[in-house]
Amino acid sequence: MTDSIIKKDVAELYPVSGGDLGPKIDTAIVQIQSMNPVFKAWNRSHSDVMWNLFNLDHESETRNLREIGASIKKRRDAMTECHFAYKENLIEAEIYEDKAAKEDAPLQKKKYEMLAQKERAFAAMKHESILGATKDISALKASYDKIMARIVEKHGRFDEAVFEEEEKEYFIRRLFVQAMRDVRECGQIRTGAQRDLEQMGIEPIEAHGDIMKYIVFVKENLQRGSTISRGCRDDWAKNITEKYIKRVQDKLDHMGFSDDHLYKLESGNDT
């Protein structure tokens, strides 16, 4: 059976129409080129709107800054790798072009010319990826500048100790927002969110009461025709943070929390 398959004519095994594919490829390329505007407008991972509305929507400025740092680092590493691969493609193209210029055998010359074209095509693909990454980085840098300015205005600086300080507020806000979604959905704080609040040193029943006060506030304002902005929730979250921050700190003190090690590590003295 195998022998009979091997002996079959290639045209029978791969039934494609004859003729030169060049014209079809040329037509496809022209069609692709006519769509260049969409490729230029969307050659990155996210739009600026998506970055700022969804990806950078953590419950603290420092967490958003951390998201920016991780996203930029990922793109920096990929861009570095892509940059050197791009330069390698260009060099390979020049090598093949040089070989083609020196080659006398027609078929071998044609092969070198084709390989040179392939390397330049690969280089163009990588060049497009690099341009897309630079757009993402530019969008993230604009957000970085604004967020960093607000952090420095609040703390006078930004370092790891500031990040640790902000983490306390972040988890209070995050857990209360999560619990509020539970209450809006089913009227109660679900078991997982209750456990998280208890781990923070916060009584879930008391938290439920604070959440209900905000929900009532929202309903009453909507009934009066008032607009509920993100600022309303932020003000509520700020008040919640101020109410519960000491309880979180008490839990941390009980567990032996200290940020002294940060300064010791930075100074080279980790003992």
C-alpha atoms as a PDB file:
ATOM      1  CA  MET A   1       0.000   0.000   0.000  1.00  0.00           C
ATOM      2  CA  THR A   2       2.761   2.396   0.940  1.00  0.00           C
ATOM      3  CA  ASP A   3       4.695   1.637  -2.253  1.00  0.00           C
ATOM      4  CA  SER A   4       1.673   2.376  -4.389  1.00  0.00           C
ATOM      5  CA  ILE A   5       1.184   5.753  -2.709  1.00  0.00           C
ATOM      6  CA  ILE A   6       4.825   6.649  -3.155  1.00  0.00           C
ATOM      7  CA  LYS A   7       4.641   5.764  -6.853  1.00  0.00           C
ATOM      8  CA  LYS A   8       1.610   7.996  -7.465  1.00  0.00           C
ATOM      9  CA  ASP A   9       2.192  11.123  -9.481  1.00  0.00           C
ATOM     10  CA  VAL A  10       2.771  14.229  -7.358  1.00  0.00           C
ATOM     11  CA  ALA A  11       0.083  16.101  -9.266  1.00  0.00           C
ATOM     12  CA  GLU A  12      -2.410  13.418  -8.233  1.00  0.00           C
ATOM     13  CA  LEU A  13      -1.424  13.563  -4.560  1.00  0.00           C
ATOM     14  CA  TYR A  14      -1.477  17.378  -4.518  1.00  0.00           C
ATOM     15  CA  PRO A  15      -4.183  18.380  -7.014  1.00  0.00           C
ATOM     16  CA  VAL A  16      -3.493  22.073  -7.555  1.00  0.00           C
ATOM     17  CA  SER A  17      -4.122  24.071 -10.692  1.00  0.00           C
ATOM     18  CA  GLY A  18      -1.114  24.577 -12.871  1.00  0.00           C
ATOM     19  CA  GLY A  19       0.416  27.850 -13.875  1.00  0.00           C
ATOM     20  CA  ASP A  20       2.546  30.498 -12.245  1.00  0.00           C
ATOM     21  CA  LEU A  21       1.379  31.552  -8.759  1.00  0.00           C
ATOM     22  CA  GLY A  22       3.201  34.874  -9.121  1.00  0.00           C
ATOM     23  CA  PRO A  23       0.231  36.874 -10.466  1.00  0.00           C
ATOM     24  CA  LYS A  24      -2.041  35.585  -7.688  1.00  0.00           C
ATOM     25  CA  ILE A  25       0.500  36.511  -5.047  1.00  0.00           C
ATOM     26  CA  ASP A  26       0.944  39.954  -6.615  1.00  0.00           C
ATOM     27  CA  THR A  27      -2.815  40.491  -6.494  1.00  0.00           C
ATOM     28  CA  ALA A  28      -2.947  39.438  -2.837  1.00  0.00           C
ATOM     29  CA  ILE A  29      -0.092  41.810  -1.987  1.00  0.00           C
ATOM     30  CA  VAL A  30      -1.885  44.721  -3.655  1.00  0.00           C
ATOM     31  CA  GLN A  31      -5.026  43.889  -1.673  1.00  0.00           C
ATOM     32  CA  ILE A  32      -3.026  43.758   1.562  1.00  0.00           C
ATOM     33  CA  GLN A  33      -1.343  47.076   0.800  1.00  0.00           C
ATOM     34  CA  SER A  34      -4.762  48.687   0.353  1.00  0.00           C
ATOM     35  CA  MET A  35      -5.442  47.755   3.994  1.00  0.00           C
ATOM     36  CA  ASN A  36      -2.292  49.411   5.337  1.00  0.00           C
ATOM     37  CA  PRO A  37      -4.235  52.060   7.312  1.00  0.00           C
ATOM     38  CA  VAL A  38      -5.704  49.417   9.633  1.00  0.00           C
ATOM     39  CA  PHE A  39      -2.300  47.750  10.090  1.00  0.00           C
ATOM     40  CA  LYS A  40      -0.733  51.081  11.007  1.00  0.00           C
ATOM     41  CA  ALA A  41      -3.577  51.967  13.368  1.00  0.00           C
ATOM     42  CA  TRP A  42      -3.558  48.606  15.130  1.00  0.00           C
ATOM     43  CA  ASN A  43      -0.097  47.078  15.346  1.00  0.00           C
ATOM     44  CA  ARG A  44       0.139  46.982  19.141  1.00  0.00           C
ATOM     45  CA  SER A  45      -1.316  44.918  21.971  1.00  0.00           C
ATOM     46  CA  HIS A  46      -3.780  47.466  23.437  1.00  0.00           C
ATOM     47  CA  SER A  47      -5.282  50.822  22.583  1.00  0.00           C
ATOM     48  CA  ASP A  48      -4.586  53.772  24.879  1.00  0.00           C
ATOM     49  CA  VAL A  49      -8.216  53.604  25.997  1.00  0.00           C
ATOM     50  CA  MET A  50      -7.906  49.940  26.977  1.00  0.00           C
ATOM     51  CA  TRP A  51      -4.665  50.543  28.871  1.00  0.00           C
ATOM     52  CA  ASN A  52      -6.135  53.336  30.970  1.00  0.00           C
ATOM     53  CA  LEU A  53      -9.680  52.059  31.508  1.00  0.00           C
ATOM     54  CA  PHE A  54      -9.053  48.389  32.137  1.00  0.00           C
ATOM     55  CA  ASN A  55      -5.396  47.424  32.546  1.00  0.00           C
ATOM     56  CA  LEU A  56      -4.559  50.360  34.817  1.00  0.00           C
ATOM     57  CA  ASP A  57      -7.559  50.099  37.116  1.00  0.00           C
ATOM     58  CA  HIS A  58      -6.048  48.722  40.298  1.00  0.00           C
ATOM     59  CA  GLU A  59      -7.154  50.046  43.677  1.00  0.00           C
ATOM     60  CA  SER A  60      -3.934  51.963  44.339  1.00  0.00           C
ATOM     61  CA  GLU A  61      -1.573  54.220  42.424  1.00  0.00           C
ATOM     62  CA  THR A  62       1.414  52.034  43.260  1.00  0.00           C
ATOM     63  CA  ARG A  63      -0.313  48.916  41.919  1.00  0.00           C
ATOM     64  CA  ASN A  64      -0.999  50.732  38.648  1.00  0.00           C
ATOM     65  CA  LEU A  65       2.648  51.770  38.574  1.00  0.00           C
ATOM     66  CA  ARG A  66       3.652  48.161  39.135  1.00  0.00           C
ATOM     67  CA  GLU A  67       1.416  47.110  36.228  1.00  0.00           C
ATOM     68  CA  ILE A  68       3.108  49.690  34.024  1.00  0.00           C
ATOM     69  CA  GLY A  69       6.563  48.510  35.067  1.00  0.00           C
ATOM     70  CA  ALA A  70       5.771  44.855  34.353  1.00  0.00           C
ATOM     71  CA  SER A  71       4.190  45.674  30.982  1.00  0.00           C
ATOM     72  CA  ILE A  72       7.083  47.889  29.882  1.00  0.00           C
ATOM     73  CA  LYS A  73       9.672  45.329  31.009  1.00  0.00           C
ATOM     74  CA  LYS A  74       7.924  42.638  28.974  1.00  0.00           C
ATOM     75  CA  ARG A  75       7.951  44.836  25.890  1.00  0.00           C
ATOM     76  CA  ARG A  76      11.512  45.998  26.486  1.00  0.00           C
ATOM     77  CA  ASP A  77      12.764  42.409  26.597  1.00  0.00           C
ATOM     78  CA  ALA A  78      10.758  41.412  23.516  1.00  0.00           C
ATOM     79  CA  MET A  79      11.831  44.543  21.662  1.00  0.00           C
ATOM     80  CA  THR A  80      15.501  43.898  22.444  1.00  0.00           C
ATOM     81  CA  GLU A  81      15.251  40.329  21.159  1.00  0.00           C
ATOM     82  CA  CYS A  82      13.319  41.466  18.084  1.00  0.00           C
ATOM     83  CA  HIS A  83      15.786  44.292  17.399  1.00  0.00           C
ATOM     84  CA  PHE A  84      18.778  41.977  17.187  1.00  0.00           C
ATOM     85  CA  ALA A  85      16.829  39.443  15.128  1.00  0.00           C
ATOM     86  CA  TYR A  86      15.901  42.312  12.782  1.00  0.00           C
ATOM     87  CA  LYS A  87      19.553  43.321  12.373  1.00  0.00           C
ATOM     88  CA  GLU A  88      20.526  39.668  11.862  1.00  0.00           C
ATOM     89  CA  ASN A  89      17.953  39.353   9.047  1.00  0.00           C
ATOM     90  CA  LEU A  90      19.397  42.419   7.325  1.00  0.00           C
ATOM     91  CA  ILE A  91      22.944  41.062   7.567  1.00  0.00           C
ATOM     92  CA  GLU A  92      21.834  37.669   6.241  1.00  0.00           C
ATOM     93  CA  ALA A  93      20.120  39.457   3.344  1.00  0.00           C
ATOM     94  CA  GLU A  94      23.357  41.272   2.483  1.00  0.00           C
ATOM     95  CA  ILE A  95      25.303  38.009   2.642  1.00  0.00           C
ATOM     96  CA  TYR A  96      22.914  36.314   0.204  1.00  0.00           C
ATOM     97  CA  GLU A  97      22.921  39.350  -2.088  1.00  0.00           C
ATOM     98  CA  ASP A  98      26.721  39.260  -2.148  1.00  0.00           C
ATOM     99  CA  LYS A  99      26.664  35.547  -2.965  1.00  0.00           C
ATOM    100  CA  ALA A 100      24.139  36.115  -5.729  1.00  0.00           C
ATOM    101  CA  ALA A 101      26.312  38.827  -7.270  1.00  0.00           C
ATOM    102  CA  LYS A 102      29.287  36.464  -7.379  1.00  0.00           C
ATOM    103  CA  GLU A 103      27.396  33.340  -8.492  1.00  0.00           C
ATOM    104  CA  ASP A 104      27.577  32.240 -12.134  1.00  0.00           C
ATOM    105  CA  ALA A 105      25.198  29.280 -11.987  1.00  0.00           C
ATOM    106  CA  PRO A 106      21.721  30.682 -12.864  1.00  0.00           C
ATOM    107  CA  LEU A 107      19.709  28.472 -10.514  1.00  0.00           C
ATOM    108  CA  GLN A 108      22.035  28.973  -7.549  1.00  0.00           C
ATOM    109  CA  LYS A 109      22.054  32.714  -8.216  1.00  0.00           C
ATOM    110  CA  LYS A 110      18.253  32.696  -8.249  1.00  0.00           C
ATOM    111  CA  LYS A 111      18.207  30.793  -4.960  1.00  0.00           C
ATOM    112  CA  TYR A 112      20.503  33.322  -3.263  1.00  0.00           C
ATOM    113  CA  GLU A 113      18.347  36.183  -4.527  1.00  0.00           C
ATOM    114  CA  MET A 114      15.242  34.485  -3.158  1.00  0.00           C
ATOM    115  CA  LEU A 115      16.899  33.897   0.235  1.00  0.00           C
ATOM    116  CA  ALA A 116      17.889  37.553   0.366  1.00  0.00           C
ATOM    117  CA  GLN A 117      14.290  38.584  -0.307  1.00  0.00           C
ATOM    118  CA  LYS A 118      13.081  36.222   2.420  1.00  0.00           C
ATOM    119  CA  GLU A 119      15.470  37.699   4.996  1.00  0.00           C
ATOM    120  CA  ARG A 120      14.386  41.250   4.113  1.00  0.00           C
ATOM    121  CA  ALA A 121      10.723  40.193   4.394  1.00  0.00           C
ATOM    122  CA  PHE A 122      11.403  38.740   7.858  1.00  0.00           C
ATOM    123  CA  ALA A 123      13.225  41.951   8.793  1.00  0.00           C
ATOM    124  CA  ALA A 124      10.179  43.998   7.725  1.00  0.00           C
ATOM    125  CA  MET A 125       7.930  41.839   9.920  1.00  0.00           C
ATOM    126  CA  LYS A 126      10.145  42.404  12.952  1.00  0.00           C
ATOM    127  CA  HIS A 127      10.359  46.129  12.197  1.00  0.00           C
ATOM    128  CA  GLU A 128       6.560  46.326  12.333  1.00  0.00           C
ATOM    129  CA  SER A 129       6.509  44.518  15.693  1.00  0.00           C
ATOM    130  CA  ILE A 130       9.079  46.935  17.107  1.00  0.00           C
ATOM    131  CA  LEU A 131       6.979  49.921  16.026  1.00  0.00           C
ATOM    132  CA  GLY A 132       3.921  48.418  17.768  1.00  0.00           C
ATOM    133  CA  ALA A 133       5.863  47.900  20.997  1.00  0.00           C
ATOM    134  CA  THR A 134       7.068  51.513  20.954  1.00  0.00           C
ATOM    135  CA  LYS A 135       3.426  52.676  20.764  1.00  0.00           C
ATOM    136  CA  ASP A 136       2.529  50.626  23.842  1.00  0.00           C
ATOM    137  CA  ILE A 137       5.530  51.986  25.715  1.00  0.00           C
ATOM    138  CA  SER A 138       4.654  55.564  24.748  1.00  0.00           C
ATOM    139  CA  ALA A 139       1.092  55.156  26.051  1.00  0.00           C
ATOM    140  CA  LEU A 140       2.306  53.583  29.288  1.00  0.00           C
ATOM    141  CA  LYS A 141       4.932  56.290  29.810  1.00  0.00           C
ATOM    142  CA  ALA A 142       2.260  58.999  29.625  1.00  0.00           C
ATOM    143  CA  SER A 143       0.272  57.240  32.356  1.00  0.00           C
ATOM    144  CA  TYR A 144       3.444  56.570  34.343  1.00  0.00           C
ATOM    145  CA  ASP A 145       4.272  60.282  34.502  1.00  0.00           C
ATOM    146  CA  LYS A 146       0.861  61.235  35.871  1.00  0.00           C
ATOM    147  CA  ILE A 147       0.674  58.399  38.381  1.00  0.00           C
ATOM    148  CA  MET A 148       4.224  58.956  39.626  1.00  0.00           C
ATOM    149  CA  ALA A 149       3.524  62.674  40.100  1.00  0.00           C
ATOM    150  CA  ARG A 150       0.516  61.869  42.311  1.00  0.00           C
ATOM    151  CA  ILE A 151       2.512  59.373  44.390  1.00  0.00           C
ATOM    152  CA  VAL A 152       5.364  61.832  44.934  1.00  0.00           C
ATOM    153  CA  GLU A 153       2.867  64.557  45.823  1.00  0.00           C
ATOM    154  CA  LYS A 154       1.347  62.266  48.461  1.00  0.00           C
ATOM    155  CA  HIS A 155       4.517  60.720  49.929  1.00  0.00           C
ATOM    156  CA  GLY A 156       7.292  63.068  48.839  1.00  0.00           C
ATOM    157  CA  ARG A 157       9.111  60.172  47.136  1.00  0.00           C
ATOM    158  CA  PHE A 158       8.656  56.739  45.617  1.00  0.00           C
ATOM    159  CA  ASP A 159      10.500  53.669  46.844  1.00  0.00           C
ATOM    160  CA  GLU A 160       9.773  50.176  48.107  1.00  0.00           C
ATOM    161  CA  ALA A 161       8.762  51.448  51.543  1.00  0.00           C
ATOM    162  CA  VAL A 162       6.127  53.689  49.923  1.00  0.00           C
ATOM    163  CA  PHE A 163       4.886  50.705  47.941  1.00  0.00           C
ATOM    164  CA  GLU A 164       4.527  48.672  51.162  1.00  0.00           C
ATOM    165  CA  GLU A 165       2.648  51.523  52.819  1.00  0.00           C
ATOM    166  CA  GLU A 166       0.255  51.794  49.885  1.00  0.00           C
ATOM    167  CA  GLU A 167      -0.362  48.030  49.969  1.00  0.00           C
ATOM    168  CA  LYS A 168      -2.339  48.409  53.202  1.00  0.00           C
ATOM    169  CA  GLU A 169      -4.778  50.827  51.569  1.00  0.00           C
ATOM    170  CA  TYR A 170      -4.833  48.776  48.377  1.00  0.00           C
ATOM    171  CA  PHE A 171      -6.043  45.594  50.051  1.00  0.00           C
ATOM    172  CA  ILE A 172      -8.688  47.411  52.107  1.00  0.00           C
ATOM    173  CA  ARG A 173     -10.077  49.055  48.982  1.00  0.00           C
ATOM    174  CA  ARG A 174      -9.826  45.912  46.889  1.00  0.00           C
ATOM    175  CA  LEU A 175     -11.581  43.701  49.440  1.00  0.00           C
ATOM    176  CA  PHE A 176     -14.376  46.204  50.075  1.00  0.00           C
ATOM    177  CA  VAL A 177     -15.022  46.684  46.366  1.00  0.00           C
ATOM    178  CA  GLN A 178     -15.080  42.914  45.915  1.00  0.00           C
ATOM    179  CA  ALA A 179     -17.441  42.530  48.881  1.00  0.00           C
ATOM    180  CA  MET A 180     -19.673  45.314  47.538  1.00  0.00           C
ATOM    181  CA  ARG A 181     -20.058  43.427  44.259  1.00  0.00           C
ATOM    182  CA  ASP A 182     -21.148  40.381  46.264  1.00  0.00           C
ATOM    183  CA  VAL A 183     -23.738  42.438  48.133  1.00  0.00           C
ATOM    184  CA  ARG A 184     -25.082  44.001  44.942  1.00  0.00           C
ATOM    185  CA  GLU A 185     -25.412  40.555  43.389  1.00  0.00           C
ATOM    186  CA  CYS A 186     -26.840  38.473  46.228  1.00  0.00           C
ATOM    187  CA  GLY A 187     -27.291  40.758  49.241  1.00  0.00           C
ATOM    188  CA  GLN A 188     -24.495  39.136  51.247  1.00  0.00           C
ATOM    189  CA  ILE A 189     -20.701  39.019  51.330  1.00  0.00           C
ATOM    190  CA  ARG A 190     -19.659  35.642  49.979  1.00  0.00           C
ATOM    191  CA  THR A 191     -17.556  33.223  52.017  1.00  0.00           C
ATOM    192  CA  GLY A 192     -14.292  33.911  50.198  1.00  0.00           C
ATOM    193  CA  ALA A 193     -14.549  37.677  50.664  1.00  0.00           C
ATOM    194  CA  GLN A 194     -15.518  37.190  54.314  1.00  0.00           C
ATOM    195  CA  ARG A 195     -12.386  35.129  54.879  1.00  0.00           C
ATOM    196  CA  ASP A 196     -10.228  37.779  53.200  1.00  0.00           C
ATOM    197  CA  LEU A 197     -11.704  40.529  55.382  1.00  0.00           C
ATOM    198  CA  GLU A 198     -11.120  38.446  58.518  1.00  0.00           C
ATOM    199  CA  GLN A 199      -7.505  37.915  57.479  1.00  0.00           C
ATOM    200  CA  MET A 200      -7.162  41.696  57.314  1.00  0.00           C
ATOM    201  CA  GLY A 201      -8.548  42.031  60.840  1.00  0.00           C
ATOM    202  CA  ILE A 202     -11.926  43.380  59.663  1.00  0.00           C
ATOM    203  CA  GLU A 203     -15.287  42.025  60.857  1.00  0.00           C
ATOM    204  CA  PRO A 204     -17.383  41.066  57.797  1.00  0.00           C
ATOM    205  CA  ILE A 205     -20.710  42.016  59.448  1.00  0.00           C
ATOM    206  CA  GLU A 206     -19.389  45.537  60.111  1.00  0.00           C
ATOM    207  CA  ALA A 207     -18.064  45.703  56.563  1.00  0.00           C
ATOM    208  CA  HIS A 208     -21.482  44.685  55.250  1.00  0.00           C
ATOM    209  CA  GLY A 209     -23.027  47.605  57.115  1.00  0.00           C
ATOM    210  CA  ASP A 210     -20.574  50.090  55.585  1.00  0.00           C
ATOM    211  CA  ILE A 211     -21.262  48.687  52.129  1.00  0.00           C
ATOM    212  CA  MET A 212     -25.036  48.936  52.567  1.00  0.00           C
ATOM    213  CA  LYS A 213     -24.709  52.600  53.558  1.00  0.00           C
ATOM    214  CA  TYR A 214     -22.944  53.321  50.265  1.00  0.00           C
ATOM    215  CA  ILE A 215     -25.449  51.309  48.230  1.00  0.00           C
ATOM    216  CA  VAL A 216     -28.330  53.233  49.847  1.00  0.00           C
ATOM    217  CA  PHE A 217     -26.480  56.509  49.118  1.00  0.00           C
ATOM    218  CA  VAL A 218     -26.147  55.556  45.445  1.00  0.00           C
ATOM    219  CA  LYS A 219     -29.793  54.516  45.112  1.00  0.00           C
ATOM    220  CA  GLU A 220     -31.073  57.704  46.736  1.00  0.00           C
ATOM    221  CA  ASN A 221     -28.919  59.910  44.505  1.00  0.00           C
ATOM    222  CA  LEU A 222     -29.949  58.057  41.366  1.00  0.00           C
ATOM    223  CA  GLN A 223     -33.615  58.426  42.329  1.00  0.00           C
ATOM    224  CA  ARG A 224     -33.051  62.186  42.610  1.00  0.00           C
ATOM    225  CA  GLY A 225     -31.477  62.195  39.156  1.00  0.00           C
ATOM    226  CA  SER A 226     -27.925  62.798  40.401  1.00  0.00           C
ATOM    227  CA  THR A 227     -24.888  61.358  38.612  1.00  0.00           C
ATOM    228  CA  ILE A 228     -22.718  58.808  40.402  1.00  0.00           C
ATOM    229  CA  SER A 229     -19.118  59.237  39.258  1.00  0.00           C
ATOM    230  CA  ARG A 230     -16.021  57.172  39.952  1.00  0.00           C
ATOM    231  CA  GLY A 231     -15.100  59.958  42.368  1.00  0.00           C
ATOM    232  CA  CYS A 232     -18.066  59.028  44.577  1.00  0.00           C
ATOM    233  CA  ARG A 233     -16.766  55.491  44.976  1.00  0.00           C
ATOM    234  CA  ASP A 234     -13.225  56.759  45.529  1.00  0.00           C
ATOM    235  CA  ASP A 235     -14.420  59.080  48.311  1.00  0.00           C
ATOM    236  CA  TRP A 236     -16.264  56.197  49.941  1.00  0.00           C
ATOM    237  CA  ALA A 237     -13.214  53.931  49.613  1.00  0.00           C
ATOM    238  CA  LYS A 238     -11.009  56.658  51.113  1.00  0.00           C
ATOM    239  CA  ASN A 239     -13.281  56.924  54.161  1.00  0.00           C
ATOM    240  CA  ILE A 240     -13.334  53.142  54.495  1.00  0.00           C
ATOM    241  CA  THR A 241      -9.548  53.043  54.339  1.00  0.00           C
ATOM    242  CA  GLU A 242      -9.211  55.693  57.051  1.00  0.00           C
ATOM    243  CA  LYS A 243     -11.643  53.755  59.256  1.00  0.00           C
ATOM    244  CA  TYR A 244      -9.927  50.384  58.981  1.00  0.00           C
ATOM    245  CA  ILE A 245      -6.235  51.163  58.400  1.00  0.00           C
ATOM    246  CA  LYS A 246      -5.340  50.908  62.092  1.00  0.00           C
ATOM    247  CA  ARG A 247      -6.899  47.457  62.364  1.00  0.00           C
ATOM    248  CA  VAL A 248      -4.824  46.293  59.414  1.00  0.00           C
ATOM    249  CA  GLN A 249      -1.700  47.779  60.994  1.00  0.00           C
ATOM    250  CA  ASP A 250      -2.524  46.042  64.293  1.00  0.00           C
ATOM    251  CA  LYS A 251      -2.728  42.713  62.453  1.00  0.00           C
ATOM    252  CA  LEU A 252       0.615  43.411  60.766  1.00  0.00           C
ATOM    253  CA  ASP A 253       2.259  44.377  64.067  1.00  0.00           C
ATOM    254  CA  HIS A 254       0.907  41.198  65.628  1.00  0.00           C
ATOM    255  CA  MET A 255       2.536  39.170  62.858  1.00  0.00           C
ATOM    256  CA  GLY A 256       5.884  40.972  63.203  1.00  0.00           C
ATOM    257  CA  PHE A 257       5.678  43.125  60.059  1.00  0.00           C
ATOM    258  CA  SER A 258       8.577  45.529  59.544  1.00  0.00           C
ATOM    259  CA  ASP A 259       9.945  47.337  56.512  1.00  0.00           C
ATOM    260  CA  ASP A 260      13.401  47.793  58.079  1.00  0.00           C
ATOM    261  CA  HIS A 261      14.719  44.932  55.945  1.00  0.00           C
ATOM    262  CA  LEU A 262      14.126  47.026  52.831  1.00  0.00           C
ATOM    263  CA  TYR A 263      16.643  49.628  53.919  1.00  0.00           C
ATOM    264  CA  LYS A 264      19.100  46.993  55.129  1.00  0.00           C
ATOM    265  CA  LEU A 265      19.035  45.216  51.778  1.00  0.00           C
ATOM    266  CA  GLU A 266      19.474  48.481  49.873  1.00  0.00           C
ATOM    267  CA  SER A 267      22.446  49.423  52.052  1.00  0.00           C
ATOM    268  CA  GLY A 268      23.992  45.969  51.679  1.00  0.00           C
ATOM    269  CA  ASN A 269      23.485  45.158  55.359  1.00  0.00           C
ATOM    270  CA  ASP A 270      20.929  42.342  55.500  1.00  0.00           C
ATOM    271  CA  THR A 271      21.766  41.120  58.999  1.00  0.00           C
END
